[in-house]
C-alpha atoms as a PDB file:
ATOM      1  CA  MET A   1     -39.287   0.721  21.363  1.00  0.00           C
ATOM      2  CA  HIS A   2     -38.711  -2.256  23.703  1.00  0.00           C
ATOM      3  CA  LEU A   3     -41.198  -3.622  25.973  1.00  0.00           C
ATOM      4  CA  ALA A   4     -38.968  -2.558  28.874  1.00  0.00           C
ATOM      5  CA  VAL A   5     -39.367   1.070  27.933  1.00  0.00           C
ATOM      6  CA  ALA A   6     -43.193   0.663  27.944  1.00  0.00           C
ATOM      7  CA  GLU A   7     -43.176  -1.028  30.954  1.00  0.00           C
ATOM      8  CA  GLN A   8     -41.383   2.068  32.606  1.00  0.00           C
ATOM      9  CA  TRP A   9     -44.929   3.831  31.969  1.00  0.00           C
ATOM     10  CA  ILE A  10     -46.711   1.332  34.270  1.00  0.00           C
ATOM     11  CA  GLY A  11     -44.290   0.316  36.542  1.00  0.00           C
ATOM     12  CA  ALA A  12     -42.535   3.804  37.286  1.00  0.00           C
ATOM     13  CA  GLY A  13     -45.594   6.020  36.561  1.00  0.00           C
ATOM     14  CA  LEU A  14     -48.497   3.600  37.397  1.00  0.00           C
ATOM     15  CA  PHE A  15     -48.486   0.962  39.763  1.00  0.00           C
ATOM     16  CA  PRO A  16     -50.855  -2.104  39.572  1.00  0.00           C
ATOM     17  CA  GLU A  17     -52.126  -3.414  42.682  1.00  0.00           C
ATOM     18  CA  PHE A  18     -49.793  -6.191  43.454  1.00  0.00           C
ATOM     19  CA  GLY A  19     -51.217  -9.900  43.773  1.00  0.00           C
ATOM     20  CA  LYS A  20     -54.677  -8.324  43.064  1.00  0.00           C
ATOM     21  CA  PRO A  21     -56.934  -9.422  40.027  1.00  0.00           C
ATOM     22  CA  GLY A  22     -55.411  -7.587  36.869  1.00  0.00           C
ATOM     23  CA  PHE A  23     -52.198  -7.167  38.169  1.00  0.00           C
ATOM     24  CA  TRP A  24     -50.131  -9.322  35.626  1.00  0.00           C
ATOM     25  CA  PHE A  25     -52.266  -7.812  32.632  1.00  0.00           C
ATOM     26  CA  PHE A  26     -51.408  -4.372  33.762  1.00  0.00           C
ATOM     27  CA  THR A  27     -47.700  -5.150  34.043  1.00  0.00           C
ATOM     28  CA  ILE A  28     -47.323  -6.976  30.886  1.00  0.00           C
ATOM     29  CA  SER A  29     -50.215  -6.984  28.431  1.00  0.00           C
ATOM     30  CA  LEU A  30     -50.919  -3.170  28.642  1.00  0.00           C
ATOM     31  CA  PRO A  31     -47.255  -2.224  28.211  1.00  0.00           C
ATOM     32  CA  HIS A  32     -46.953  -4.997  25.532  1.00  0.00           C
ATOM     33  CA  TYR A  33     -49.760  -3.088  23.519  1.00  0.00           C
ATOM     34  CA  LEU A  34     -48.358   0.426  24.194  1.00  0.00           C
ATOM     35  CA  ARG A  35     -45.132  -1.026  22.586  1.00  0.00           C
ATOM     36  CA  LEU A  36     -47.059  -2.286  19.775  1.00  0.00           C
ATOM     37  CA  MET A  37     -48.614   0.941  19.416  1.00  0.00           C
ATOM     38  CA  CYS A  38     -45.210   2.728  18.984  1.00  0.00           C
ATOM     39  CA  LEU A  39     -44.085  -0.068  16.339  1.00  0.00           C
ATOM     40  CA  ARG A  40     -47.243   0.859  14.463  1.00  0.00           C
ATOM     41  CA  GLN A  41     -46.261   4.716  14.300  1.00  0.00           C
ATOM     42  CA  MET A  42     -42.441   3.558  13.255  1.00  0.00           C
ATOM     43  CA  LYS A  43     -42.792   0.650  11.172  1.00  0.00           C
ATOM     44  CA  GLY A  44     -46.564   0.705   9.827  1.00  0.00           C
ATOM     45  CA  GLU A  45     -49.721  -1.303  10.019  1.00  0.00           C
ATOM     46  CA  GLU A  46     -48.235  -4.397   8.766  1.00  0.00           C
ATOM     47  CA  ALA A  47     -45.530  -4.685  11.462  1.00  0.00           C
ATOM     48  CA  PHE A  48     -48.226  -3.882  14.198  1.00  0.00           C
ATOM     49  CA  GLU A  49     -50.519  -6.720  13.032  1.00  0.00           C
ATOM     50  CA  GLN A  50     -47.662  -9.343  12.420  1.00  0.00           C
ATOM     51  CA  SER A  51     -46.413  -8.674  16.208  1.00  0.00           C
ATOM     52  CA  LEU A  52     -49.953  -8.578  17.371  1.00  0.00           C
ATOM     53  CA  HIS A  53     -50.870 -11.891  15.990  1.00  0.00           C
ATOM     54  CA  GLU A  54     -47.579 -13.977  16.432  1.00  0.00           C
ATOM     55  CA  PRO A  55     -48.107 -14.615  20.234  1.00  0.00           C
ATOM     56  CA  LEU A  56     -51.910 -14.717  19.590  1.00  0.00           C
ATOM     57  CA  ASN A  57     -51.618 -17.610  17.104  1.00  0.00           C
ATOM     58  CA  GLN A  58     -49.727 -19.473  19.756  1.00  0.00           C
ATOM     59  CA  TYR A  59     -52.248 -18.755  22.304  1.00  0.00           C
ATOM     60  CA  GLU A  60     -54.721 -20.101  20.057  1.00  0.00           C
ATOM     61  CA  ARG A  61     -53.583 -23.646  20.095  1.00  0.00           C
ATOM     62  CA  PHE A  62     -54.925 -24.008  23.609  1.00  0.00           C
ATOM     63  CA  SER A  63     -57.693 -21.214  23.761  1.00  0.00           C
ATOM     64  CA  GLY A  64     -60.635 -22.783  25.338  1.00  0.00           C
ATOM     65  CA  LYS A  65     -58.989 -25.825  26.236  1.00  0.00           C
ATOM     66  CA  THR A  66     -58.139 -27.257  29.893  1.00  0.00           C
ATOM     67  CA  GLU A  67     -54.788 -25.212  30.116  1.00  0.00           C
ATOM     68  CA  ASP A  68     -56.543 -21.897  29.338  1.00  0.00           C
ATOM     69  CA  ILE A  69     -57.971 -19.616  32.073  1.00  0.00           C
ATOM     70  CA  PRO A  70     -59.385 -16.208  32.144  1.00  0.00           C
ATOM     71  CA  ILE A  71     -56.747 -13.497  32.123  1.00  0.00           C
ATOM     72  CA  LEU A  72     -58.008 -12.012  35.326  1.00  0.00           C
ATOM     73  CA  ASN A  73     -57.391 -15.272  37.223  1.00  0.00           C
ATOM     74  CA  ILE A  74     -53.519 -15.330  36.324  1.00  0.00           C
ATOM     75  CA  ASP A  75     -51.700 -15.371  39.709  1.00  0.00           C
ATOM     76  CA  PHE A  76     -48.219 -15.509  38.415  1.00  0.00           C
ATOM     77  CA  PRO A  77     -46.881 -16.086  34.862  1.00  0.00           C
ATOM     78  CA  ASN A  78     -45.169 -19.087  35.704  1.00  0.00           C
ATOM     79  CA  THR A  79     -46.340 -21.268  32.885  1.00  0.00           C
ATOM     80  CA  MET A  80     -45.892 -20.891  29.043  1.00  0.00           C
ATOM     81  CA  GLU A  81     -49.781 -20.890  28.735  1.00  0.00           C
ATOM     82  CA  LYS A  82     -49.950 -17.913  31.080  1.00  0.00           C
ATOM     83  CA  GLY A  83     -47.183 -16.295  29.443  1.00  0.00           C
ATOM     84  CA  LEU A  84     -48.999 -16.500  26.083  1.00  0.00           C
ATOM     85  CA  LEU A  85     -52.103 -15.539  27.605  1.00  0.00           C
ATOM     86  CA  LEU A  86     -50.553 -12.117  28.815  1.00  0.00           C
ATOM     87  CA  TYR A  87     -48.531 -11.544  25.654  1.00  0.00           C
ATOM     88  CA  GLY A  88     -51.046 -13.176  23.171  1.00  0.00           C
ATOM     89  CA  LYS A  89     -54.520 -12.410  24.335  1.00  0.00           C
ATOM     90  CA  GLY A  90     -53.771  -9.579  26.764  1.00  0.00           C
ATOM     91  CA  PRO A  91     -52.712  -7.174  23.982  1.00  0.00           C
ATOM     92  CA  LEU A  92     -55.713  -8.168  21.785  1.00  0.00           C
ATOM     93  CA  VAL A  93     -58.100  -7.285  24.545  1.00  0.00           C
ATOM     94  CA  ILE A  94     -56.580  -3.926  24.653  1.00  0.00           C
ATOM     95  CA  HIS A  95     -56.696  -3.685  20.937  1.00  0.00           C
ATOM     96  CA  HIS A  96     -60.303  -4.520  21.047  1.00  0.00           C
ATOM     97  CA  VAL A  97     -60.857  -1.598  23.717  1.00  0.00           C
ATOM     98  CA  HIS A  98     -58.909   0.653  21.551  1.00  0.00           C
ATOM     99  CA  GLU A  99     -60.905  -0.246  18.433  1.00  0.00           C
ATOM    100  CA  ALA A 100     -64.337   0.073  20.358  1.00  0.00           C
ATOM    101  CA  LEU A 101     -63.188   3.450  21.792  1.00  0.00           C
ATOM    102  CA  GLY A 102     -61.934   5.070  18.748  1.00  0.00           C
ATOM    103  CA  ASP A 103     -58.627   6.802  18.753  1.00  0.00           C
ATOM    104  CA  ASP A 104     -59.679   9.930  20.443  1.00  0.00           C
ATOM    105  CA  ALA A 105     -61.374   8.483  23.445  1.00  0.00           C
ATOM    106  CA  TRP A 106     -58.322   5.636  23.853  1.00  0.00           C
ATOM    107  CA  LYS A 107     -55.853   8.500  23.958  1.00  0.00           C
ATOM    108  CA  ALA A 108     -58.114  10.433  26.310  1.00  0.00           C
ATOM    109  CA  LEU A 109     -58.359   7.247  28.504  1.00  0.00           C
ATOM    110  CA  LEU A 110     -54.737   6.805  28.590  1.00  0.00           C
ATOM    111  CA  MET A 111     -54.108  10.521  29.394  1.00  0.00           C
ATOM    112  CA  ASP A 112     -56.801  10.232  32.429  1.00  0.00           C
ATOM    113  CA  LEU A 113     -55.221   7.073  33.631  1.00  0.00           C
ATOM    114  CA  TYR A 114     -51.805   8.653  33.826  1.00  0.00           C
ATOM    115  CA  ARG A 115     -53.064  12.013  35.099  1.00  0.00           C
ATOM    116  CA  ASP A 116     -55.164  10.345  37.835  1.00  0.00           C
ATOM    117  CA  PHE A 117     -52.971   7.604  38.958  1.00  0.00           C
ATOM    118  CA  ALA A 118     -49.245   8.642  38.076  1.00  0.00           C
ATOM    119  CA  GLY A 119     -47.590   7.621  41.395  1.00  0.00           C
ATOM    120  CA  LYS A 120     -50.490   5.879  42.784  1.00  0.00           C
ATOM    121  CA  ILE A 121     -51.910   2.173  42.951  1.00  0.00           C
ATOM    122  CA  LEU A 122     -54.367   1.360  40.034  1.00  0.00           C
ATOM    123  CA  THR A 123     -57.004  -1.266  40.729  1.00  0.00           C
ATOM    124  CA  TYR A 124     -58.702  -3.279  38.365  1.00  0.00           C
ATOM    125  CA  ALA A 125     -61.880  -1.685  39.257  1.00  0.00           C
ATOM    126  CA  GLN A 126     -60.677   1.850  38.793  1.00  0.00           C
ATOM    127  CA  PHE A 127     -59.366   0.960  35.443  1.00  0.00           C
ATOM    128  CA  GLN A 128     -62.984  -0.086  34.542  1.00  0.00           C
ATOM    129  CA  SER A 129     -64.525   2.969  36.039  1.00  0.00           C
ATOM    130  CA  CYS A 130     -61.933   5.202  33.982  1.00  0.00           C
ATOM    131  CA  LEU A 131     -62.929   3.068  30.874  1.00  0.00           C
ATOM    132  CA  SER A 132     -66.526   3.570  31.313  1.00  0.00           C
ATOM    133  CA  LYS A 133     -66.099   7.234  31.302  1.00  0.00           C
ATOM    134  CA  HIS A 134     -64.546   7.088  27.693  1.00  0.00           C
ATOM    135  CA  ASP A 135     -66.946   4.520  26.532  1.00  0.00           C
ATOM    136  CA  ARG A 136     -69.941   6.160  25.308  1.00  0.00           C
ATOM    137  CA  LYS A 137     -71.793   3.066  23.718  1.00  0.00           C
ATOM    138  CA  GLY A 138     -70.730   0.689  26.789  1.00  0.00           C
ATOM    139  CA  THR A 139     -69.384  -1.784  24.023  1.00  0.00           C
ATOM    140  CA  ALA A 140     -65.575  -1.393  25.254  1.00  0.00           C
ATOM    141  CA  LEU A 141     -66.200  -2.015  28.764  1.00  0.00           C
ATOM    142  CA  ALA A 142     -68.696  -5.053  28.198  1.00  0.00           C
ATOM    143  CA  GLN A 143     -66.006  -6.577  25.956  1.00  0.00           C
ATOM    144  CA  PHE A 144     -63.304  -5.969  28.245  1.00  0.00           C
ATOM    145  CA  ASN A 145     -64.757  -7.597  31.046  1.00  0.00           C
ATOM    146  CA  ALA A 146     -66.072 -10.519  28.838  1.00  0.00           C
ATOM    147  CA  LEU A 147     -62.415 -11.171  27.448  1.00  0.00           C
ATOM    148  CA  MET A 148     -60.819 -10.700  30.850  1.00  0.00           C
ATOM    149  CA  THR A 149     -63.255 -12.896  32.871  1.00  0.00           C
ATOM    150  CA  ARG A 150     -63.814 -15.911  30.296  1.00  0.00           C
ATOM    151  CA  LYS A 151     -61.220 -18.257  29.102  1.00  0.00           C
ATOM    152  CA  GLY A 152     -60.768 -18.505  25.016  1.00  0.00           C
ATOM    153  CA  MET A 153     -62.053 -16.018  22.355  1.00  0.00           C
ATOM    154  CA  PRO A 154     -65.554 -14.616  21.587  1.00  0.00           C
ATOM    155  CA  GLY A 155     -65.843 -17.181  18.741  1.00  0.00           C
ATOM    156  CA  GLU A 156     -65.285 -19.959  20.897  1.00  0.00           C
ATOM    157  CA  TRP A 157     -67.713 -19.049  23.702  1.00  0.00           C
ATOM    158  CA  THR A 158     -70.628 -20.641  21.794  1.00  0.00           C
ATOM    159  CA  THR A 159     -69.147 -24.253  22.153  1.00  0.00           C
ATOM    160  CA  GLN A 160     -67.832 -23.934  25.664  1.00  0.00           C
END
């Protein structure tokens, strides 16, 4: 499945709030992760992991450095670094949410997003609210917020 097809679910079904925090994350990172989920179903775990980590490995070269910014601060993907944030770190953020929630809650979250926001604007705060409904332990939302608002990856935060 191509990224453009996955983007139809977001761009033609759910509409991130243009120019607001999270717009590029919802427009690029979330559809990219949905594409990776399809790849996992079609080609297996190894293909999924490889496709998840290739752009992430490129992001890690500048992770936590001057060129790095929090995903939430991306105003326009007009640099290589911002692109790698959206294609590398962004899908990993969603993957962490998926793992923290578990498959059933993850699928329920996706269904609720589509049911509640089909044909409507989805804001970052609304996504957080929907995520919190499915996050019984509170770990997925906490991890999501940290990964979206801080530069670098959790292992690097102790050195920043």
